[in-house]
PDB file of all heavy atoms in Angstrom:
ATOM      1  N   THR A   1      -6.291   5.618  -5.568  1.00  0.00           N
ATOM      2  CA  THR A   1      -6.001   4.909  -6.801  1.00  0.00           C
ATOM      3  C   THR A   1      -4.790   4.007  -6.593  1.00  0.00           C
ATOM      4  O   THR A   1      -3.734   4.475  -6.173  1.00  0.00           O
ATOM      5  CB  THR A   1      -5.719   5.872  -7.965  1.00  0.00           C
ATOM      6  OG1 THR A   1      -6.835   6.750  -8.155  1.00  0.00           O
ATOM      7  CG2 THR A   1      -5.478   5.088  -9.255  1.00  0.00           C
ATOM      8  N   ILE A   2      -4.955   2.732  -6.885  1.00  0.00           N
ATOM      9  CA  ILE A   2      -3.842   1.800  -6.828  1.00  0.00           C
ATOM     10  C   ILE A   2      -3.300   1.599  -8.236  1.00  0.00           C
ATOM     11  O   ILE A   2      -4.053   1.540  -9.204  1.00  0.00           O
ATOM     12  CB  ILE A   2      -4.262   0.455  -6.188  1.00  0.00           C
ATOM     13  CG1 ILE A   2      -3.040  -0.430  -5.933  1.00  0.00           C
ATOM     14  CG2 ILE A   2      -5.304  -0.269  -7.025  1.00  0.00           C
ATOM     15  CD1 ILE A   2      -3.351  -1.654  -5.075  1.00  0.00           C
ATOM     16  N   SER A   3      -1.992   1.519  -8.350  1.00  0.00           N
ATOM     17  CA  SER A   3      -1.363   1.315  -9.644  1.00  0.00           C
ATOM     18  C   SER A   3      -0.083   0.529  -9.448  1.00  0.00           C
ATOM     19  O   SER A   3       0.396   0.357  -8.325  1.00  0.00           O
ATOM     20  CB  SER A   3      -1.085   2.651 -10.346  1.00  0.00           C
ATOM     21  OG  SER A   3      -0.193   3.447  -9.588  1.00  0.00           O
ATOM     22  N   ARG A   4       0.473   0.055 -10.549  1.00  0.00           N
ATOM     23  CA  ARG A   4       1.719  -0.697 -10.460  1.00  0.00           C
ATOM     24  C   ARG A   4       2.618  -0.351 -11.621  1.00  0.00           C
ATOM     25  O   ARG A   4       2.154  -0.012 -12.712  1.00  0.00           O
ATOM     26  CB  ARG A   4       1.440  -2.209 -10.415  1.00  0.00           C
ATOM     27  CG  ARG A   4       0.797  -2.774 -11.676  1.00  0.00           C
ATOM     28  CD  ARG A   4       0.275  -4.194 -11.430  1.00  0.00           C
ATOM     29  NE  ARG A   4       1.348  -5.121 -11.102  1.00  0.00           N
ATOM     30  CZ  ARG A   4       1.176  -6.265 -10.441  1.00  0.00           C
ATOM     31  NH1 ARG A   4      -0.042  -6.612 -10.016  1.00  0.00           N
ATOM     32  NH2 ARG A   4       2.214  -7.046 -10.200  1.00  0.00           N
ATOM     33  N   ASP A   5       3.906  -0.433 -11.377  1.00  0.00           N
ATOM     34  CA  ASP A   5       4.919  -0.231 -12.397  1.00  0.00           C
ATOM     35  C   ASP A   5       5.791  -1.475 -12.380  1.00  0.00           C
ATOM     36  O   ASP A   5       6.668  -1.616 -11.525  1.00  0.00           O
ATOM     37  CB  ASP A   5       5.735   1.028 -12.123  1.00  0.00           C
ATOM     38  CG  ASP A   5       6.695   1.359 -13.245  1.00  0.00           C
ATOM     39  OD1 ASP A   5       7.040   0.465 -14.046  1.00  0.00           O
ATOM     40  OD2 ASP A   5       7.109   2.535 -13.339  1.00  0.00           O
ATOM     41  N   ASN A   6       5.527  -2.375 -13.303  1.00  0.00           N
ATOM     42  CA  ASN A   6       6.249  -3.646 -13.307  1.00  0.00           C
ATOM     43  C   ASN A   6       7.739  -3.466 -13.587  1.00  0.00           C
ATOM     44  O   ASN A   6       8.561  -4.264 -13.132  1.00  0.00           O
ATOM     45  CB  ASN A   6       5.631  -4.597 -14.329  1.00  0.00           C
ATOM     46  CG  ASN A   6       4.274  -5.121 -13.898  1.00  0.00           C
ATOM     47  OD1 ASN A   6       3.877  -4.982 -12.743  1.00  0.00           O
ATOM     48  ND2 ASN A   6       3.543  -5.717 -14.832  1.00  0.00           N
ATOM     49  N   ALA A   7       8.097  -2.431 -14.333  1.00  0.00           N
ATOM     50  CA  ALA A   7       9.505  -2.177 -14.612  1.00  0.00           C
ATOM     51  C   ALA A   7      10.270  -1.779 -13.361  1.00  0.00           C
ATOM     52  O   ALA A   7      11.481  -1.973 -13.285  1.00  0.00           O
ATOM     53  CB  ALA A   7       9.646  -1.096 -15.680  1.00  0.00           C
ATOM     54  N   LYS A   8       9.569  -1.217 -12.374  1.00  0.00           N
ATOM     55  CA  LYS A   8      10.191  -0.792 -11.125  1.00  0.00           C
ATOM     56  C   LYS A   8       9.872  -1.715  -9.959  1.00  0.00           C
ATOM     57  O   LYS A   8      10.296  -1.451  -8.832  1.00  0.00           O
ATOM     58  CB  LYS A   8       9.763   0.625 -10.777  1.00  0.00           C
ATOM     59  CG  LYS A   8      10.209   1.675 -11.778  1.00  0.00           C
ATOM     60  CD  LYS A   8       9.775   3.061 -11.340  1.00  0.00           C
ATOM     61  CE  LYS A   8      10.258   4.110 -12.315  1.00  0.00           C
ATOM     62  NZ  LYS A   8       9.835   5.472 -11.907  1.00  0.00           N
ATOM     63  N   ASN A   9       9.126  -2.786 -10.215  1.00  0.00           N
ATOM     64  CA  ASN A   9       8.713  -3.712  -9.152  1.00  0.00           C
ATOM     65  C   ASN A   9       8.059  -2.965  -7.992  1.00  0.00           C
ATOM     66  O   ASN A   9       8.324  -3.243  -6.812  1.00  0.00           O
ATOM     67  CB  ASN A   9       9.901  -4.527  -8.635  1.00  0.00           C
ATOM     68  CG  ASN A   9      10.291  -5.650  -9.576  1.00  0.00           C
ATOM     69  OD1 ASN A   9       9.848  -5.725 -10.716  1.00  0.00           O
ATOM     70  ND2 ASN A   9      11.143  -6.550  -9.098  1.00  0.00           N
ATOM     71  N   THR A  10       7.187  -2.036  -8.318  1.00  0.00           N
ATOM     72  CA  THR A  10       6.615  -1.158  -7.312  1.00  0.00           C
ATOM     73  C   THR A  10       5.115  -1.015  -7.506  1.00  0.00           C
ATOM     74  O   THR A  10       4.635  -0.890  -8.638  1.00  0.00           O
ATOM     75  CB  THR A  10       7.276   0.230  -7.360  1.00  0.00           C
ATOM     76  OG1 THR A  10       8.679   0.085  -7.122  1.00  0.00           O
ATOM     77  CG2 THR A  10       6.690   1.144  -6.303  1.00  0.00           C
ATOM     78  N   VAL A  11       4.392  -1.034  -6.393  1.00  0.00           N
ATOM     79  CA  VAL A  11       2.970  -0.737  -6.394  1.00  0.00           C
ATOM     80  C   VAL A  11       2.758   0.559  -5.620  1.00  0.00           C
ATOM     81  O   VAL A  11       3.459   0.830  -4.637  1.00  0.00           O
ATOM     82  CB  VAL A  11       2.137  -1.903  -5.797  1.00  0.00           C
ATOM     83  CG1 VAL A  11       2.496  -2.155  -4.339  1.00  0.00           C
ATOM     84  CG2 VAL A  11       0.648  -1.642  -5.960  1.00  0.00           C
ATOM     85  N   TYR A  12       1.812   1.366  -6.074  1.00  0.00           N
ATOM     86  CA  TYR A  12       1.554   2.663  -5.480  1.00  0.00           C
ATOM     87  C   TYR A  12       0.119   2.752  -4.976  1.00  0.00           C
ATOM     88  O   TYR A  12      -0.774   2.068  -5.465  1.00  0.00           O
ATOM     89  CB  TYR A  12       1.765   3.779  -6.500  1.00  0.00           C
ATOM     90  CG  TYR A  12       3.123   3.793  -7.139  1.00  0.00           C
ATOM     91  CD1 TYR A  12       3.332   3.178  -8.370  1.00  0.00           C
ATOM     92  CD2 TYR A  12       4.198   4.421  -6.523  1.00  0.00           C
ATOM     93  CE1 TYR A  12       4.576   3.189  -8.967  1.00  0.00           C
ATOM     94  CE2 TYR A  12       5.444   4.433  -7.113  1.00  0.00           C
ATOM     95  CZ  TYR A  12       5.637   3.820  -8.336  1.00  0.00           C
ATOM     96  OH  TYR A  12       6.874   3.835  -8.925  1.00  0.00           O
ATOM     97  N   LEU A  13      -0.078   3.620  -4.013  1.00  0.00           N
ATOM     98  CA  LEU A  13      -1.422   3.988  -3.585  1.00  0.00           C
ATOM     99  C   LEU A  13      -1.480   5.505  -3.511  1.00  0.00           C
ATOM    100  O   LEU A  13      -0.903   6.109  -2.602  1.00  0.00           O
ATOM    101  CB  LEU A  13      -1.774   3.377  -2.226  1.00  0.00           C
ATOM    102  CG  LEU A  13      -3.209   3.617  -1.763  1.00  0.00           C
ATOM    103  CD1 LEU A  13      -4.204   2.863  -2.651  1.00  0.00           C
ATOM    104  CD2 LEU A  13      -3.388   3.206  -0.303  1.00  0.00           C
ATOM    105  N   GLN A  14      -2.138   6.102  -4.486  1.00  0.00           N
ATOM    106  CA  GLN A  14      -2.351   7.539  -4.485  1.00  0.00           C
ATOM    107  C   GLN A  14      -3.589   7.839  -3.659  1.00  0.00           C
ATOM    108  O   GLN A  14      -4.672   7.341  -3.959  1.00  0.00           O
ATOM    109  CB  GLN A  14      -2.531   8.058  -5.913  1.00  0.00           C
ATOM    110  CG  GLN A  14      -2.811   9.552  -6.008  1.00  0.00           C
ATOM    111  CD  GLN A  14      -1.634  10.390  -5.579  1.00  0.00           C
ATOM    112  OE1 GLN A  14      -0.506  10.129  -5.982  1.00  0.00           O
ATOM    113  NE2 GLN A  14      -1.884  11.398  -4.750  1.00  0.00           N
ATOM    114  N   MET A  15      -3.435   8.638  -2.622  1.00  0.00           N
ATOM    115  CA  MET A  15      -4.517   8.946  -1.699  1.00  0.00           C
ATOM    116  C   MET A  15      -4.817  10.433  -1.776  1.00  0.00           C
ATOM    117  O   MET A  15      -3.972  11.261  -1.426  1.00  0.00           O
ATOM    118  CB  MET A  15      -4.146   8.544  -0.268  1.00  0.00           C
ATOM    119  CG  MET A  15      -3.744   7.080  -0.130  1.00  0.00           C
ATOM    120  SD  MET A  15      -3.435   6.595   1.591  1.00  0.00           S
ATOM    121  CE  MET A  15      -1.977   7.595   1.931  1.00  0.00           C
ATOM    122  N   ASN A  16      -6.008  10.763  -2.225  1.00  0.00           N
ATOM    123  CA  ASN A  16      -6.457  12.143  -2.332  1.00  0.00           C
ATOM    124  C   ASN A  16      -7.636  12.379  -1.400  1.00  0.00           C
ATOM    125  O   ASN A  16      -8.282  11.446  -0.946  1.00  0.00           O
ATOM    126  CB  ASN A  16      -6.859  12.470  -3.770  1.00  0.00           C
ATOM    127  CG  ASN A  16      -5.731  12.333  -4.756  1.00  0.00           C
ATOM    128  OD1 ASN A  16      -4.574  12.597  -4.437  1.00  0.00           O
ATOM    129  ND2 ASN A  16      -6.060  11.935  -5.984  1.00  0.00           N
ATOM    130  N   SER A  17      -7.916  13.645  -1.156  1.00  0.00           N
ATOM    131  CA  SER A  17      -9.044  14.036  -0.304  1.00  0.00           C
ATOM    132  C   SER A  17      -9.045  13.261   1.005  1.00  0.00           C
ATOM    133  O   SER A  17     -10.064  12.714   1.436  1.00  0.00           O
ATOM    134  CB  SER A  17     -10.366  13.834  -1.049  1.00  0.00           C
ATOM    135  OG  SER A  17     -10.404  14.590  -2.243  1.00  0.00           O
ATOM    136  N   LEU A  18      -7.901  13.231   1.644  1.00  0.00           N
ATOM    137  CA  LEU A  18      -7.749  12.433   2.855  1.00  0.00           C
ATOM    138  C   LEU A  18      -8.625  12.951   3.991  1.00  0.00           C
ATOM    139  O   LEU A  18      -8.835  14.158   4.138  1.00  0.00           O
ATOM    140  CB  LEU A  18      -6.290  12.410   3.287  1.00  0.00           C
ATOM    141  CG  LEU A  18      -5.415  11.462   2.458  1.00  0.00           C
ATOM    142  CD1 LEU A  18      -3.947  11.803   2.628  1.00  0.00           C
ATOM    143  CD2 LEU A  18      -5.676  10.015   2.865  1.00  0.00           C
ATOM    144  N   LYS A  19      -9.116  12.012   4.773  1.00  0.00           N
ATOM    145  CA  LYS A  19      -9.988  12.289   5.903  1.00  0.00           C
ATOM    146  C   LYS A  19      -9.333  11.778   7.180  1.00  0.00           C
ATOM    147  O   LYS A  19      -8.525  10.849   7.134  1.00  0.00           O
ATOM    148  CB  LYS A  19     -11.341  11.593   5.724  1.00  0.00           C
ATOM    149  CG  LYS A  19     -12.073  11.941   4.441  1.00  0.00           C
ATOM    150  CD  LYS A  19     -13.327  11.092   4.298  1.00  0.00           C
ATOM    151  CE  LYS A  19     -14.069  11.420   3.021  1.00  0.00           C
ATOM    152  NZ  LYS A  19     -15.291  10.575   2.873  1.00  0.00           N
ATOM    153  N   PRO A  20      -9.684  12.344   8.334  1.00  0.00           N
ATOM    154  CA  PRO A  20      -9.117  11.836   9.586  1.00  0.00           C
ATOM    155  C   PRO A  20      -9.339  10.338   9.777  1.00  0.00           C
ATOM    156  O   PRO A  20      -8.476   9.665  10.358  1.00  0.00           O
ATOM    157  CB  PRO A  20      -9.849  12.653  10.656  1.00  0.00           C
ATOM    158  CG  PRO A  20     -10.139  13.946   9.981  1.00  0.00           C
ATOM    159  CD  PRO A  20     -10.475  13.566   8.556  1.00  0.00           C
ATOM    160  N   GLU A  21     -10.454   9.811   9.301  1.00  0.00           N
ATOM    161  CA  GLU A  21     -10.716   8.387   9.438  1.00  0.00           C
ATOM    162  C   GLU A  21      -9.817   7.511   8.573  1.00  0.00           C
ATOM    163  O   GLU A  21      -9.845   6.283   8.693  1.00  0.00           O
ATOM    164  CB  GLU A  21     -12.192   8.061   9.165  1.00  0.00           C
ATOM    165  CG  GLU A  21     -12.708   8.608   7.846  1.00  0.00           C
ATOM    166  CD  GLU A  21     -13.473   9.911   8.008  1.00  0.00           C
ATOM    167  OE1 GLU A  21     -12.985  10.794   8.762  1.00  0.00           O
ATOM    168  OE2 GLU A  21     -14.550  10.049   7.404  1.00  0.00           O
ATOM    169  N   ASP A  22      -9.022   8.110   7.693  1.00  0.00           N
ATOM    170  CA  ASP A  22      -8.021   7.365   6.940  1.00  0.00           C
ATOM    171  C   ASP A  22      -6.760   7.103   7.763  1.00  0.00           C
ATOM    172  O   ASP A  22      -5.877   6.366   7.307  1.00  0.00           O
ATOM    173  CB  ASP A  22      -7.638   8.112   5.665  1.00  0.00           C
ATOM    174  CG  ASP A  22      -8.781   8.231   4.677  1.00  0.00           C
ATOM    175  OD1 ASP A  22      -9.526   7.241   4.504  1.00  0.00           O
ATOM    176  OD2 ASP A  22      -8.929   9.309   4.076  1.00  0.00           O
ATOM    177  N   THR A  23      -6.661   7.709   8.929  1.00  0.00           N
ATOM    178  CA  THR A  23      -5.496   7.520   9.782  1.00  0.00           C
ATOM    179  C   THR A  23      -5.350   6.052  10.154  1.00  0.00           C
ATOM    180  O   THR A  23      -6.267   5.439  10.699  1.00  0.00           O
ATOM    181  CB  THR A  23      -5.609   8.374  11.045  1.00  0.00           C
ATOM    182  OG1 THR A  23      -5.589   9.757  10.677  1.00  0.00           O
ATOM    183  CG2 THR A  23      -4.460   8.096  12.000  1.00  0.00           C
ATOM    184  N   ALA A  24      -4.199   5.479   9.858  1.00  0.00           N
ATOM    185  CA  ALA A  24      -3.950   4.063  10.105  1.00  0.00           C
ATOM    186  C   ALA A  24      -2.518   3.735   9.715  1.00  0.00           C
ATOM    187  O   ALA A  24      -1.822   4.550   9.103  1.00  0.00           O
ATOM    188  CB  ALA A  24      -4.911   3.189   9.287  1.00  0.00           C
ATOM    189  N   VAL A  25      -2.102   2.536  10.071  1.00  0.00           N
ATOM    190  CA  VAL A  25      -0.883   1.972   9.514  1.00  0.00           C
ATOM    191  C   VAL A  25      -1.266   1.247   8.236  1.00  0.00           C
ATOM    192  O   VAL A  25      -2.163   0.402   8.240  1.00  0.00           O
ATOM    193  CB  VAL A  25      -0.188   1.014  10.490  1.00  0.00           C
ATOM    194  CG1 VAL A  25       1.051   0.395   9.851  1.00  0.00           C
ATOM    195  CG2 VAL A  25       0.193   1.747  11.773  1.00  0.00           C
ATOM    196  N   TYR A  26      -0.604   1.585   7.159  1.00  0.00           N
ATOM    197  CA  TYR A  26      -0.896   1.003   5.856  1.00  0.00           C
ATOM    198  C   TYR A  26       0.146  -0.056   5.523  1.00  0.00           C
ATOM    199  O   TYR A  26       1.349   0.188   5.619  1.00  0.00           O
ATOM    200  CB  TYR A  26      -0.912   2.087   4.779  1.00  0.00           C
ATOM    201  CG  TYR A  26      -2.174   2.917   4.801  1.00  0.00           C
ATOM    202  CD1 TYR A  26      -2.407   3.816   5.831  1.00  0.00           C
ATOM    203  CD2 TYR A  26      -3.142   2.787   3.809  1.00  0.00           C
ATOM    204  CE1 TYR A  26      -3.566   4.563   5.878  1.00  0.00           C
ATOM    205  CE2 TYR A  26      -4.301   3.532   3.845  1.00  0.00           C
ATOM    206  CZ  TYR A  26      -4.509   4.420   4.880  1.00  0.00           C
ATOM    207  OH  TYR A  26      -5.670   5.161   4.919  1.00  0.00           O
ATOM    208  N   TYR A  27      -0.336  -1.224   5.116  1.00  0.00           N
ATOM    209  CA  TYR A  27       0.519  -2.367   4.837  1.00  0.00           C
ATOM    210  C   TYR A  27       0.412  -2.782   3.376  1.00  0.00           C
ATOM    211  O   TYR A  27      -0.688  -2.874   2.831  1.00  0.00           O
ATOM    212  CB  TYR A  27       0.132  -3.567   5.695  1.00  0.00           C
ATOM    213  CG  TYR A  27       0.293  -3.362   7.180  1.00  0.00           C
ATOM    214  CD1 TYR A  27      -0.763  -2.908   7.955  1.00  0.00           C
ATOM    215  CD2 TYR A  27       1.501  -3.630   7.805  1.00  0.00           C
ATOM    216  CE1 TYR A  27      -0.622  -2.720   9.317  1.00  0.00           C
ATOM    217  CE2 TYR A  27       1.649  -3.454   9.164  1.00  0.00           C
ATOM    218  CZ  TYR A  27       0.587  -3.000   9.917  1.00  0.00           C
ATOM    219  OH  TYR A  27       0.733  -2.829  11.267  1.00  0.00           O
ATOM    220  N   CYS A  28       1.537  -3.073   2.785  1.00  0.00           N
ATOM    221  CA  CYS A  28       1.597  -3.622   1.442  1.00  0.00           C
ATOM    222  C   CYS A  28       1.520  -5.143   1.519  1.00  0.00           C
ATOM    223  O   CYS A  28       2.077  -5.756   2.435  1.00  0.00           O
ATOM    224  CB  CYS A  28       2.905  -3.184   0.781  1.00  0.00           C
ATOM    225  SG  CYS A  28       3.127  -3.738  -0.918  1.00  0.00           S
ATOM    226  N   ASN A  29       0.845  -5.736   0.566  1.00  0.00           N
ATOM    227  CA  ASN A  29       0.639  -7.181   0.533  1.00  0.00           C
ATOM    228  C   ASN A  29       0.928  -7.712  -0.865  1.00  0.00           C
ATOM    229  O   ASN A  29       0.615  -7.057  -1.856  1.00  0.00           O
ATOM    230  CB  ASN A  29      -0.808  -7.495   0.938  1.00  0.00           C
ATOM    231  CG  ASN A  29      -1.251  -8.894   0.563  1.00  0.00           C
ATOM    232  OD1 ASN A  29      -1.869  -9.097  -0.486  1.00  0.00           O
ATOM    233  ND2 ASN A  29      -0.957  -9.845   1.426  1.00  0.00           N
ATOM    234  N   ALA A  30       1.519  -8.890  -0.923  1.00  0.00           N
ATOM    235  CA  ALA A  30       1.768  -9.564  -2.191  1.00  0.00           C
ATOM    236  C   ALA A  30       1.331 -11.011  -2.092  1.00  0.00           C
ATOM    237  O   ALA A  30       1.594 -11.680  -1.090  1.00  0.00           O
ATOM    238  CB  ALA A  30       3.244  -9.496  -2.571  1.00  0.00           C
ATOM    239  N   VAL A  31       0.657 -11.478  -3.123  1.00  0.00           N
ATOM    240  CA  VAL A  31       0.304 -12.888  -3.256  1.00  0.00           C
ATOM    241  C   VAL A  31       0.945 -13.388  -4.535  1.00  0.00           C
ATOM    242  O   VAL A  31       0.616 -12.911  -5.624  1.00  0.00           O
ATOM    243  CB  VAL A  31      -1.216 -13.105  -3.285  1.00  0.00           C
ATOM    244  CG1 VAL A  31      -1.533 -14.589  -3.449  1.00  0.00           C
ATOM    245  CG2 VAL A  31      -1.863 -12.557  -2.028  1.00  0.00           C
ATOM    246  N   TYR A  32       1.858 -14.330  -4.374  1.00  0.00           N
ATOM    247  CA  TYR A  32       2.641 -14.829  -5.488  1.00  0.00           C
ATOM    248  C   TYR A  32       2.796 -16.333  -5.328  1.00  0.00           C
ATOM    249  O   TYR A  32       3.430 -16.804  -4.385  1.00  0.00           O
ATOM    250  CB  TYR A  32       4.008 -14.142  -5.524  1.00  0.00           C
ATOM    251  CG  TYR A  32       5.008 -14.745  -6.476  1.00  0.00           C
ATOM    252  CD1 TYR A  32       4.809 -14.693  -7.854  1.00  0.00           C
ATOM    253  CD2 TYR A  32       6.159 -15.354  -6.004  1.00  0.00           C
ATOM    254  CE1 TYR A  32       5.725 -15.245  -8.728  1.00  0.00           C
ATOM    255  CE2 TYR A  32       7.078 -15.904  -6.881  1.00  0.00           C
ATOM    256  CZ  TYR A  32       6.859 -15.851  -8.239  1.00  0.00           C
ATOM    257  OH  TYR A  32       7.779 -16.397  -9.109  1.00  0.00           O
ATOM    258  N   ARG A  33       2.179 -17.071  -6.231  1.00  0.00           N
ATOM    259  CA  ARG A  33       2.197 -18.533  -6.191  1.00  0.00           C
ATOM    260  C   ARG A  33       1.759 -19.014  -4.801  1.00  0.00           C
ATOM    261  O   ARG A  33       0.635 -18.755  -4.384  1.00  0.00           O
ATOM    262  CB  ARG A  33       3.563 -19.048  -6.609  1.00  0.00           C
ATOM    263  CG  ARG A  33       3.938 -18.615  -8.036  1.00  0.00           C
ATOM    264  CD  ARG A  33       5.225 -19.212  -8.532  1.00  0.00           C
ATOM    265  NE  ARG A  33       5.106 -20.661  -8.737  1.00  0.00           N
ATOM    266  CZ  ARG A  33       6.043 -21.418  -9.286  1.00  0.00           C
ATOM    267  NH1 ARG A  33       7.186 -20.865  -9.695  1.00  0.00           N
ATOM    268  NH2 ARG A  33       5.853 -22.718  -9.430  1.00  0.00           N
ATOM    269  N   SER A  34       2.613 -19.696  -4.070  1.00  0.00           N
ATOM    270  CA  SER A  34       2.261 -20.202  -2.748  1.00  0.00           C
ATOM    271  C   SER A  34       2.629 -19.241  -1.623  1.00  0.00           C
ATOM    272  O   SER A  34       2.482 -19.579  -0.442  1.00  0.00           O
ATOM    273  CB  SER A  34       2.940 -21.543  -2.499  1.00  0.00           C
ATOM    274  OG  SER A  34       2.526 -22.507  -3.437  1.00  0.00           O
ATOM    275  N   ASN A  35       3.091 -18.053  -1.958  1.00  0.00           N
ATOM    276  CA  ASN A  35       3.604 -17.125  -0.962  1.00  0.00           C
ATOM    277  C   ASN A  35       2.647 -15.960  -0.712  1.00  0.00           C
ATOM    278  O   ASN A  35       2.037 -15.440  -1.639  1.00  0.00           O
ATOM    279  CB  ASN A  35       4.957 -16.561  -1.404  1.00  0.00           C
ATOM    280  CG  ASN A  35       5.984 -17.635  -1.667  1.00  0.00           C
ATOM    281  OD1 ASN A  35       6.426 -17.810  -2.804  1.00  0.00           O
ATOM    282  ND2 ASN A  35       6.352 -18.359  -0.618  1.00  0.00           N
ATOM    283  N   VAL A  36       2.534 -15.578   0.546  1.00  0.00           N
ATOM    284  CA  VAL A  36       1.841 -14.367   0.949  1.00  0.00           C
ATOM    285  C   VAL A  36       2.817 -13.562   1.784  1.00  0.00           C
ATOM    286  O   VAL A  36       3.356 -14.065   2.766  1.00  0.00           O
ATOM    287  CB  VAL A  36       0.569 -14.660   1.749  1.00  0.00           C
ATOM    288  CG1 VAL A  36      -0.118 -13.361   2.146  1.00  0.00           C
ATOM    289  CG2 VAL A  36      -0.376 -15.540   0.945  1.00  0.00           C
ATOM    290  N   ALA A  37       3.046 -12.329   1.399  1.00  0.00           N
ATOM    291  CA  ALA A  37       4.025 -11.499   2.081  1.00  0.00           C
ATOM    292  C   ALA A  37       3.417 -10.167   2.492  1.00  0.00           C
ATOM    293  O   ALA A  37       2.498  -9.659   1.839  1.00  0.00           O
ATOM    294  CB  ALA A  37       5.236 -11.261   1.181  1.00  0.00           C
ATOM    295  N   TRP A  38       3.946  -9.622   3.580  1.00  0.00           N
ATOM    296  CA  TRP A  38       3.509  -8.335   4.111  1.00  0.00           C
ATOM    297  C   TRP A  38       4.705  -7.444   4.359  1.00  0.00           C
ATOM    298  O   TRP A  38       5.772  -7.907   4.775  1.00  0.00           O
ATOM    299  CB  TRP A  38       2.758  -8.514   5.436  1.00  0.00           C
ATOM    300  CG  TRP A  38       1.477  -9.273   5.308  1.00  0.00           C
ATOM    301  CD1 TRP A  38       1.289 -10.612   5.430  1.00  0.00           C
ATOM    302  CD2 TRP A  38       0.193  -8.715   5.025  1.00  0.00           C
ATOM    303  NE1 TRP A  38      -0.033 -10.932   5.241  1.00  0.00           N
ATOM    304  CE2 TRP A  38      -0.726  -9.784   4.994  1.00  0.00           C
ATOM    305  CE3 TRP A  38      -0.265  -7.414   4.799  1.00  0.00           C
ATOM    306  CZ2 TRP A  38      -2.085  -9.598   4.747  1.00  0.00           C
ATOM    307  CZ3 TRP A  38      -1.614  -7.222   4.550  1.00  0.00           C
ATOM    308  CH2 TRP A  38      -2.502  -8.309   4.529  1.00  0.00           C
ATOM    309  N   GLY A  39       4.518  -6.166   4.123  1.00  0.00           N
ATOM    310  CA  GLY A  39       5.516  -5.195   4.511  1.00  0.00           C
ATOM    311  C   GLY A  39       5.398  -4.861   5.986  1.00  0.00           C
ATOM    312  O   GLY A  39       4.515  -5.352   6.698  1.00  0.00           O
ATOM    313  N   GLN A  40       6.291  -4.007   6.456  1.00  0.00           N
ATOM    314  CA  GLN A  40       6.304  -3.617   7.856  1.00  0.00           C
ATOM    315  C   GLN A  40       5.273  -2.554   8.194  1.00  0.00           C
ATOM    316  O   GLN A  40       4.943  -2.359   9.359  1.00  0.00           O
ATOM    317  CB  GLN A  40       7.699  -3.118   8.251  1.00  0.00           C
ATOM    318  CG  GLN A  40       8.754  -4.209   8.276  1.00  0.00           C
ATOM    319  CD  GLN A  40       8.488  -5.224   9.365  1.00  0.00           C
ATOM    320  OE1 GLN A  40       8.364  -4.874  10.533  1.00  0.00           O
ATOM    321  NE2 GLN A  40       8.381  -6.497   8.979  1.00  0.00           N
ATOM    322  N   GLY A  41       4.759  -1.886   7.194  1.00  0.00           N
ATOM    323  CA  GLY A  41       3.748  -0.870   7.403  1.00  0.00           C
ATOM    324  C   GLY A  41       4.332   0.531   7.433  1.00  0.00           C
ATOM    325  O   GLY A  41       5.490   0.737   7.794  1.00  0.00           O
ATOM    326  N   THR A  42       3.504   1.484   7.059  1.00  0.00           N
ATOM    327  CA  THR A  42       3.887   2.885   7.127  1.00  0.00           C
ATOM    328  C   THR A  42       2.715   3.679   7.700  1.00  0.00           C
ATOM    329  O   THR A  42       1.557   3.449   7.343  1.00  0.00           O
ATOM    330  CB  THR A  42       4.307   3.418   5.737  1.00  0.00           C
ATOM    331  OG1 THR A  42       4.778   4.762   5.850  1.00  0.00           O
ATOM    332  CG2 THR A  42       3.161   3.370   4.736  1.00  0.00           C
ATOM    333  N   GLN A  43       3.019   4.580   8.627  1.00  0.00           N
ATOM    334  CA  GLN A  43       1.984   5.325   9.332  1.00  0.00           C
ATOM    335  C   GLN A  43       1.479   6.483   8.484  1.00  0.00           C
ATOM    336  O   GLN A  43       2.262   7.276   7.962  1.00  0.00           O
ATOM    337  CB  GLN A  43       2.526   5.862  10.658  1.00  0.00           C
ATOM    338  CG  GLN A  43       1.537   6.726  11.442  1.00  0.00           C
ATOM    339  CD  GLN A  43       0.399   5.927  12.029  1.00  0.00           C
ATOM    340  OE1 GLN A  43       0.623   4.883  12.642  1.00  0.00           O
ATOM    341  NE2 GLN A  43      -0.832   6.415  11.834  1.00  0.00           N
ATOM    342  N   VAL A  44       0.172   6.571   8.372  1.00  0.00           N
ATOM    343  CA  VAL A  44      -0.485   7.716   7.751  1.00  0.00           C
ATOM    344  C   VAL A  44      -1.372   8.368   8.802  1.00  0.00           C
ATOM    345  O   VAL A  44      -2.242   7.715   9.375  1.00  0.00           O
ATOM    346  CB  VAL A  44      -1.325   7.297   6.531  1.00  0.00           C
ATOM    347  CG1 VAL A  44      -2.158   8.477   6.022  1.00  0.00           C
ATOM    348  CG2 VAL A  44      -0.431   6.764   5.425  1.00  0.00           C
ATOM    349  N   THR A  45      -1.134   9.638   9.054  1.00  0.00           N
ATOM    350  CA  THR A  45      -1.924  10.380  10.022  1.00  0.00           C
ATOM    351  C   THR A  45      -2.526  11.596   9.338  1.00  0.00           C
ATOM    352  O   THR A  45      -1.808  12.394   8.728  1.00  0.00           O
ATOM    353  CB  THR A  45      -1.062  10.826  11.214  1.00  0.00           C
ATOM    354  OG1 THR A  45      -0.470   9.681  11.837  1.00  0.00           O
ATOM    355  CG2 THR A  45      -1.916  11.564  12.242  1.00  0.00           C
ATOM    356  N   VAL A  46      -3.836  11.730   9.439  1.00  0.00           N
ATOM    357  CA  VAL A  46      -4.556  12.832   8.818  1.00  0.00           C
ATOM    358  C   VAL A  46      -5.164  13.682   9.919  1.00  0.00           C
ATOM    359  O   VAL A  46      -5.995  13.203  10.695  1.00  0.00           O
ATOM    360  CB  VAL A  46      -5.652  12.337   7.865  1.00  0.00           C
ATOM    361  CG1 VAL A  46      -6.311  13.522   7.168  1.00  0.00           C
ATOM    362  CG2 VAL A  46      -5.075  11.363   6.849  1.00  0.00           C
TER     363      VAL A  46
END
């Protein structure tokens, strides 16, 4: 489930029932006007 809290300038990804195939580096992305931005990524290992 993806959600956002505009008051905290934060987007969340709630991940349930995780499977080994979900193992990956997860990256946050923002598209704002003419800008596209990426985070550095966070490792998820199942």
